[in-house]
Protein backbone atom coordinates (compact mmCIF):
# COMPACT_ATOMS: atom_id res chain seq x y z
CA MET A 1 21.61 -6.75 -14.30
CA PRO A 2 18.05 -6.55 -15.64
CA ILE A 3 15.81 -9.40 -14.60
CA GLU A 4 14.92 -10.06 -18.24
CA THR A 5 18.46 -11.30 -18.87
CA MET A 6 18.47 -13.56 -15.81
CA ALA A 7 15.06 -15.16 -15.87
CA PRO A 8 14.44 -18.05 -18.22
CA LEU A 9 10.73 -17.26 -17.97
CA SER A 10 11.38 -13.61 -18.95
CA LEU A 11 9.66 -12.63 -15.75
CA HIS A 12 10.40 -9.10 -14.68
CA THR A 13 9.12 -6.78 -11.99
CA ARG A 14 8.28 -3.15 -11.67
CA LEU A 15 7.39 -1.07 -8.67
CA SER A 16 3.62 -0.90 -8.28
CA GLY A 17 1.76 2.36 -8.57
CA PRO A 18 -1.79 3.64 -8.12
CA GLN A 19 -2.73 2.20 -11.51
CA ASP A 20 -2.10 -1.29 -10.11
CA ALA A 21 -4.71 -1.07 -7.34
CA PRO A 22 -7.34 -3.08 -9.29
CA LEU A 23 -4.79 -5.81 -10.10
CA LEU A 24 -3.57 -6.03 -6.51
CA ARG A 25 -7.16 -6.31 -5.28
CA LEU A 26 -7.85 -9.09 -7.78
CA LEU A 27 -4.72 -10.96 -6.71
CA PHE A 28 -5.81 -10.66 -3.08
CA ALA A 29 -9.33 -11.85 -3.93
CA SER A 30 -7.89 -14.86 -5.76
CA ARG A 31 -6.85 -16.21 -2.35
CA CYS A 32 -10.21 -15.72 -0.63
CA ASP A 33 -11.79 -19.13 -1.21
CA HIS A 34 -12.37 -19.38 2.53
CA LEU A 35 -14.61 -16.31 2.31
CA ARG A 36 -16.42 -17.60 -0.78
CA ALA A 37 -17.22 -20.77 1.17
CA LEU A 38 -19.43 -18.69 3.48
CA GLY A 39 -22.11 -18.60 0.78
CA LEU A 40 -22.72 -14.87 1.11
CA PRO A 41 -24.64 -12.90 -1.52
CA PRO A 42 -22.23 -11.45 -4.11
CA ASP A 43 -22.46 -7.85 -2.82
CA ALA A 44 -21.84 -8.93 0.77
CA LEU A 45 -18.96 -11.17 -0.30
CA GLN A 46 -17.33 -8.33 -2.25
CA ALA A 47 -17.75 -5.98 0.72
CA LEU A 48 -16.12 -8.54 3.00
CA ILE A 49 -13.20 -9.09 0.60
CA ASP A 50 -12.74 -5.31 0.26
CA GLN A 51 -12.77 -4.95 4.05
CA GLN A 52 -10.21 -7.73 4.48
CA TYR A 53 -7.99 -6.18 1.79
CA ALA A 54 -8.12 -2.77 3.50
CA CYS A 55 -7.26 -4.34 6.87
CA ARG A 56 -4.34 -6.23 5.37
CA GLU A 57 -2.98 -3.10 3.67
CA ALA A 58 -3.23 -1.12 6.92
CA ASP A 59 -1.50 -3.95 8.80
CA TYR A 60 1.33 -4.14 6.27
CA SER A 61 1.82 -0.37 6.39
CA ARG A 62 2.04 -0.47 10.18
CA ARG A 63 4.28 -3.53 10.48
CA TYR A 64 6.43 -3.02 7.37
CA PRO A 65 6.78 0.72 6.75
CA ARG A 66 9.69 0.16 4.33
CA ALA A 67 7.94 -2.48 2.26
CA ARG A 68 7.62 -2.04 -1.47
CA THR A 69 5.16 -3.84 -3.72
CA PHE A 70 6.35 -5.11 -7.08
CA VAL A 71 4.16 -6.28 -9.92
CA ALA A 72 5.45 -9.37 -11.71
CA LEU A 73 5.08 -9.42 -15.48
CA ALA A 74 5.62 -12.18 -18.00
CA GLY A 75 6.19 -10.11 -21.08
CA ARG A 76 3.52 -7.42 -20.67
CA GLU A 77 1.05 -9.65 -18.81
CA PRO A 78 0.76 -9.07 -15.05
CA VAL A 79 1.05 -12.49 -13.41
CA GLY A 80 1.53 -11.69 -9.73
CA SER A 81 3.06 -9.50 -7.10
CA VAL A 82 5.58 -9.61 -4.30
CA VAL A 83 5.81 -7.32 -1.28
CA VAL A 84 9.35 -7.01 0.11
CA ASN A 85 10.45 -5.19 3.24
CA ASP A 86 14.08 -4.06 3.36
CA ASP A 87 15.39 -3.09 6.78
CA ASP A 88 19.00 -2.76 5.53
CA ALA A 89 20.00 -6.00 7.27
CA LEU A 90 17.62 -8.44 5.62
CA LEU A 91 14.85 -8.69 3.08
CA HIS A 92 11.52 -10.02 4.28
CA ILE A 93 9.02 -11.38 1.78
CA VAL A 94 5.85 -10.00 3.30
CA ASP A 95 3.53 -11.40 0.64
CA ILE A 96 3.77 -13.18 -2.67
CA VAL A 97 0.96 -14.17 -4.98
CA VAL A 98 0.72 -15.53 -8.51
CA ALA A 99 -2.53 -15.16 -10.45
CA PRO A 100 -4.46 -18.44 -10.69
CA SER A 101 -4.23 -18.39 -14.51
CA ALA A 102 -0.42 -18.12 -14.29
CA ARG A 103 0.25 -20.75 -11.63
CA GLY A 104 2.29 -23.83 -12.38
CA ARG A 105 4.70 -22.01 -14.69
CA GLY A 106 7.48 -21.31 -12.20
CA HIS A 107 6.63 -17.64 -11.64
CA GLY A 108 6.52 -17.94 -7.84
CA ARG A 109 9.86 -19.75 -7.84
CA GLU A 110 11.35 -17.05 -10.04
CA LEU A 111 10.03 -14.21 -7.87
CA VAL A 112 11.52 -15.74 -4.71
CA HIS A 113 14.78 -16.42 -6.55
CA GLN A 114 14.94 -12.78 -7.67
CA VAL A 115 14.55 -11.61 -4.06
CA GLN A 116 17.35 -13.99 -3.06
CA GLU A 117 19.58 -12.60 -5.81
CA ARG A 118 18.88 -9.02 -4.73
CA ALA A 119 19.70 -9.90 -1.13
CA SER A 120 23.04 -11.35 -2.24
CA GLU A 121 23.83 -8.39 -4.49
CA ALA A 122 22.90 -5.86 -1.79
CA GLY A 123 24.85 -7.65 0.93
CA ARG A 124 21.80 -8.43 3.07
CA GLN A 125 22.25 -11.03 5.80
CA ALA A 126 19.14 -13.08 4.98
CA VAL A 127 15.82 -13.37 3.23
CA THR A 128 12.98 -14.21 5.60
CA LEU A 129 9.34 -15.13 5.18
CA SER A 130 6.44 -16.79 6.96
CA VAL A 131 4.30 -19.59 5.59
CA ASP A 132 1.26 -21.54 6.70
CA PRO A 133 2.56 -25.11 7.15
CA MET A 134 -0.70 -26.38 5.65
CA ASN A 135 0.31 -24.70 2.38
CA GLN A 136 2.42 -27.67 1.37
CA GLN A 137 3.09 -26.40 -2.16
CA ALA A 138 4.60 -23.15 -0.89
CA LEU A 139 6.47 -24.94 1.89
CA ARG A 140 8.05 -27.37 -0.59
CA LEU A 141 9.04 -24.46 -2.84
CA TYR A 142 10.74 -22.55 -0.03
CA LEU A 143 12.58 -25.63 1.19
CA ALA A 144 13.72 -26.39 -2.38
CA LEU A 145 15.05 -22.82 -2.67
CA GLY A 146 17.18 -23.28 0.44
CA PHE A 147 14.98 -21.73 3.12
CA GLU A 148 15.21 -23.30 6.56
CA PRO A 149 12.62 -23.11 9.33
CA THR A 150 13.62 -20.88 12.24
CA ASP A 151 10.37 -21.09 14.22
CA LYS A 152 7.65 -23.71 13.74
CA GLN A 153 4.26 -22.79 15.14
CA PRO A 154 1.05 -24.67 14.27
CA LEU A 155 -0.30 -21.87 12.05
CA GLN A 156 2.91 -20.29 10.80
CA TRP A 157 6.47 -21.27 10.12
CA ARG A 158 9.11 -18.57 9.98
CA MET A 159 11.84 -19.37 7.51
CA GLN A 160 15.10 -17.83 6.39
CA TRP A 161 17.58 -18.17 3.56
CA LEU A 162 21.18 -17.15 4.06
CA PRO A 163 23.18 -15.95 1.05
CA CYS A 164 26.69 -17.19 0.46
CA PRO A 165 29.30 -14.95 2.08
CA ARG A 166 30.59 -12.25 -0.24
CA THR A 167 34.04 -10.78 -0.51
CA ALA A 168 34.54 -7.17 0.57
CA GLN A 169 34.98 -6.11 -3.06
CA GLU A 170 31.72 -7.79 -4.14
CA GLY A 171 29.81 -6.22 -1.24
CA ALA A 172 31.10 -2.74 -2.07
CA HIS A 173 28.82 -2.58 -5.13
CA ALA A 174 25.67 -3.58 -3.27
CA ASP A 175 24.78 -0.30 -1.56
CA SER A 176 21.16 -0.06 -2.69
CA LEU A 177 18.31 -2.44 -3.25
CA SER A 178 16.06 -2.65 -6.22
CA ILE A 179 14.36 -5.77 -7.43
CA SER A 180 15.59 -4.71 -10.85
CA THR A 181 12.44 -2.95 -11.82
CA THR A 182 11.47 -1.87 -15.28
CA THR A 183 9.51 1.20 -16.16
CA LYS A 184 6.78 1.70 -18.68
CA GLY A 185 8.20 3.03 -21.80
């Protein structure tokens, strides 16, 4: 079922491509206030953000070789992204970000909900993620969406959401995973 028919916000996703590199860098940079607080000259700050982005991408590629990045769109406007790793048993939300100009509209909630729906449809055992417990807004969202902590460390909580059990007939149709992407057209 296309996401457009499910989402009240008409939020849909598509698989990212090389053309999305500038957007993905901007989304990453939108979360770098801690680096901006260093008071570096603009060129040095940009170099540091670029370096951090490259390190993160290399880390994700190493740790989550099956991860796919999806661009979230409200209509035709890119509003965020979600990186999801599928190991055939569970879906792991590696990263999720909503553009600052699009926050507060329920897009993050909808993206997580879409991953949950895909996990259910594909017969995955769980959706997992990690969150900084100081990020109270994200923590409240995940708890409200049914995620439960599985490991609480001072700097990171691991959480999981378990889909409702499916019948054998329902699970027979969930042999592949796609976050119901759309293509340009």
